[in-house]
Amino acid sequence: MNKAPRSTARELALLGLSQLPTNSGSLEKKQLQEVILAAVRTLRAEVQDILETAAAELQRGSDRLLNSQISASDVQSASSMVHEAVELGQTAINRIGTAVELPELIQLTNQREVRNYALEVLTKVNDNKEEIDNLLRESIVDWQIERLPRIDIDILRIAVTEMMFIGIQKQVAIDEAVKLAQLYSSEDGYRFINGVLRRVVNKINLVLRVIAEERRNKEEGIRNKE
């Protein structure tokens, strides 16, 4: 997997945000640190759940193969049972592949750099949530932020936080948000998130241009008085 520390930190922050109630209010640093720990525990539990589900699917696949030999009344029935067994086996293999990757992610979350950045993201989101959500409301077309899936809202919040309050390059923040969406959102969620964030960038750039123009006008006014 070889994830960069900040990519892992974003994932940890996203899982941390999912631990918070919708209207969490202002939280202390210690509370946010506990949220990070809860997110790591969630990852560990997920590994166990995935492996248990995979084991159950392998057992069901084995039962189908056995039934195809014992109880199938014709070739077509046997073929159908074998096909179902193969599909169950493939699903189980895919789940195991995911479970194999997660321990590395959990190990990376133990790095101080990862936890510190995840905590910084959580803190900035928590401290600036109203401003972040207002910007998102202005950038979401024909939809209300309250009706979005929670995971999509949190991915958007992380990206906007990185752009506005941490100083991450806008394209980097968008790219990382798209990666998170591909992992955690719906099949087409990443396209929606990419579109919203590009509109966010346009709004941020517009505000920056207005501020720069006001600054120039102010400086010219001072020079004229001199």
Foldseek 3Di string as FASTA:
>chain_A
DPDDLQLLLLLLLLLLVVPADPCNAADDLVVSLVSSVVSLVVLVVLLVVLLVQLVVLLVQLVVLQVCLVPPDPDPVSSVVSNVSSVVSNVVSVVSVVVSVVSVVSSVSSPDPSSSVSSSVLNNLCNVCVVVQLVLLQVLQPPDGPVPDDPSLNSLSSSLVSCVPPVPDPNVVSLVSSLVSCVVPNPPCSSVSSSRSSVSSVVVVVVVVVVVVVVVVVVVVVVVVVD
